[in-house]
C-alpha atoms as a PDB file:
ATOM      1  CA  UNK A   1     109.222 134.011 136.461  1.00  0.00           C
ATOM      2  CA  UNK A   2     113.660 134.192 136.328  1.00  0.00           C
ATOM      3  CA  UNK A   3     115.299 133.931 133.425  1.00  0.00           C
ATOM      4  CA  UNK A   4     116.693 130.298 134.637  1.00  0.00           C
ATOM      5  CA  UNK A   5     112.973 129.181 134.860  1.00  0.00           C
ATOM      6  CA  UNK A   6     111.975 130.489 131.531  1.00  0.00           C
ATOM      7  CA  UNK A   7     115.601 129.014 129.458  1.00  0.00           C
ATOM      8  CA  UNK A   8     114.870 125.573 131.506  1.00  0.00           C
ATOM      9  CA  UNK A   9     111.072 125.758 130.061  1.00  0.00           C
ATOM     10  CA  UNK A  10     112.059 126.818 126.167  1.00  0.00           C
ATOM     11  CA  UNK A  11     114.565 123.649 126.464  1.00  0.00           C
ATOM     12  CA  UNK A  12     112.337 121.167 127.647  1.00  0.00           C
ATOM     13  CA  UNK A  13     109.798 122.508 125.438  1.00  0.00           C
ATOM     14  CA  UNK A  14     112.153 121.998 122.231  1.00  0.00           C
ATOM     15  CA  UNK A  15     113.491 118.649 122.984  1.00  0.00           C
ATOM     16  CA  UNK A  16     109.475 118.252 123.884  1.00  0.00           C
ATOM     17  CA  UNK A  17     108.884 119.099 119.898  1.00  0.00           C
ATOM     18  CA  UNK A  18     111.705 117.002 118.660  1.00  0.00           C
ATOM     19  CA  UNK A  19     110.716 114.185 121.088  1.00  0.00           C
ATOM     20  CA  UNK A  20     107.611 114.501 119.306  1.00  0.00           C
ATOM     21  CA  UNK A  21     109.090 114.194 115.612  1.00  0.00           C
ATOM     22  CA  UNK A  22     111.567 111.105 115.898  1.00  0.00           C
ATOM     23  CA  UNK A  23     108.084 109.009 117.835  1.00  0.00           C
ATOM     24  CA  UNK A  24     105.809 110.295 114.837  1.00  0.00           C
ATOM     25  CA  UNK A  25     108.631 108.761 112.340  1.00  0.00           C
ATOM     26  CA  UNK A  26     109.503 105.930 114.534  1.00  0.00           C
ATOM     27  CA  UNK A  27     105.424 105.320 114.460  1.00  0.00           C
ATOM     28  CA  UNK A  28     105.575 105.949 110.280  1.00  0.00           C
ATOM     29  CA  UNK A  29     108.207 103.322 109.685  1.00  0.00           C
ATOM     30  CA  UNK A  30     106.198 101.179 112.211  1.00  0.00           C
ATOM     31  CA  UNK A  31     103.632 101.141 109.926  1.00  0.00           C
ATOM     32  CA  UNK A  32     105.458 101.362 106.720  1.00  0.00           C
ATOM     33  CA  UNK A  33     107.548  98.038 108.451  1.00  0.00           C
ATOM     34  CA  UNK A  34     104.146  96.290 109.341  1.00  0.00           C
ATOM     35  CA  UNK A  35     102.575  96.916 105.529  1.00  0.00           C
ATOM     36  CA  UNK A  36     105.918  95.534 104.119  1.00  0.00           C
ATOM     37  CA  UNK A  37     105.275  92.017 106.431  1.00  0.00           C
ATOM     38  CA  UNK A  38     102.006  91.513 105.484  1.00  0.00           C
ATOM     39  CA  UNK A  39     102.800  91.032 101.279  1.00  0.00           C
ATOM     40  CA  UNK A  40     106.019  89.295 102.479  1.00  0.00           C
ATOM     41  CA  UNK A  41     103.211  87.279 104.209  1.00  0.00           C
ATOM     42  CA  UNK A  42     100.695  86.839 101.094  1.00  0.00           C
ATOM     43  CA  UNK A  43     103.956  86.133  98.635  1.00  0.00           C
ATOM     44  CA  UNK A  44     104.981  83.354 101.590  1.00  0.00           C
ATOM     45  CA  UNK A  45     101.269  82.392 101.074  1.00  0.00           C
ATOM     46  CA  UNK A  46     100.923  82.318  97.610  1.00  0.00           C
ATOM     47  CA  UNK A  47     104.405  80.705  97.971  1.00  0.00           C
ATOM     48  CA  UNK A  48     103.489  77.950 100.091  1.00  0.00           C
ATOM     49  CA  UNK A  49     100.173  77.372  97.783  1.00  0.00           C
ATOM     50  CA  UNK A  50     102.081  76.870  94.558  1.00  0.00           C
ATOM     51  CA  UNK A  51     104.429  74.291  96.483  1.00  0.00           C
ATOM     52  CA  UNK A  52     101.663  71.452  97.258  1.00  0.00           C
ATOM     53  CA  UNK A  53     100.153  72.329  94.027  1.00  0.00           C
ATOM     54  CA  UNK A  54     103.113  71.128  92.247  1.00  0.00           C
ATOM     55  CA  UNK A  55     103.857  68.591  95.154  1.00  0.00           C
ATOM     56  CA  UNK A  56     100.139  66.956  94.808  1.00  0.00           C
ATOM     57  CA  UNK A  57     101.218  66.859  91.138  1.00  0.00           C
ATOM     58  CA  UNK A  58     104.430  65.201  91.515  1.00  0.00           C
ATOM     59  CA  UNK A  59     102.190  62.601  93.942  1.00  0.00           C
ATOM     60  CA  UNK A  60      99.753  62.536  91.185  1.00  0.00           C
ATOM     61  CA  UNK A  61     102.326  61.903  88.002  1.00  0.00           C
ATOM     62  CA  UNK A  62     104.034  58.744  90.805  1.00  0.00           C
ATOM     63  CA  UNK A  63     100.821  57.023  90.785  1.00  0.00           C
ATOM     64  CA  UNK A  64     100.428  56.533  87.581  1.00  0.00           C
ATOM     65  CA  UNK A  65     103.839  55.964  86.606  1.00  0.00           C
ATOM     66  CA  UNK A  66     103.540  53.013  89.497  1.00  0.00           C
ATOM     67  CA  UNK A  67     100.595  51.823  87.977  1.00  0.00           C
ATOM     68  CA  UNK A  68     102.012  51.673  84.511  1.00  0.00           C
ATOM     69  CA  UNK A  69     104.500  49.875  85.725  1.00  0.00           C
END
């Protein structure tokens, strides 16, 4: 194997290792983002549930007020 081929293989191996590190980092970030998105979805659902309860209570109070009038 010539020095040129050896240098080329070394450069390719180095680049491959760097790309693998970048891929692992991107995968970690993707997992963290997915977890954050899941948490945000749960918060949004909780807020919707709370909003619906408030709306239901407001409608009930309106109906009671209308009956008294």
